[in-house]
Amino acid sequence: MFDERSKVLFLGTIPSIGSVKNGFYYLGAGNAFWKLLSAVTSFDFVSLSEGLKKYRGTADGARYLAALERAVKDYKIALFDTISVSVRHGSRDDQIDEAVLQSKDLILDIVKNSRIKKIFCTSAQAQSNLFRIFGGRRAAQAALSDAADIETDEAIAEKLLSPSATALMYGQVTEEKRLEDWMKIKRYL
């Protein structure tokens, strides 16, 4: 999901079981994506995402979805995944099998047809997938920078501390450290 105004692209792996059930990105149980984005932007994405989950499959759910999509676009955000098809045995990245990576052309299309200045990968697996799609870190950085028409030594694609509940549960990150890491997004919006 993107439009011509998008400045920041969030890349995940593939929607979790909860996200598929709820009909939109980052709606799995315990995923803090919308909470973190709310803190970064000072906009209440949490109420919209919670409304979508609560009323999914109803007319109210459709209104929440439309409002959430509009807010994402208004904040110049794009959302996409690095895997197009897979078999899942759960919602964690390590429970993805038989993954088919996205087409390089689809990712380049988003970057070329918007104003993307930074890509944030929402997990180490998403970043690894991105680099695999392009044939390595340097090739990815070069192709994405060219597509975005950016002349900078700064990396266009960067990994954020994961918004997943699993990252907190296993002590890979603290809420405070994760929020601090996500605040760097402000610079690009």
Foldseek 3Di string as FASTA:
>chain_A
DAAQAAAEEEEEADAFPQCVVLPHHQLDPQQCVQVLVCVQVVDNLVVLSVQSNVQPPDPSNVVSVVVNVVVCHVVRYHYYYQFDDFDAPGGDPVRTHPTDTDAPVVVLVRLLRYQYQAYEYQDPVRVVSQQVNQVHQVSSQVSSCVSNVHDDPDGRYYYAHHSHPVCVVVVVDDPVRRSVRSNVVSVRD
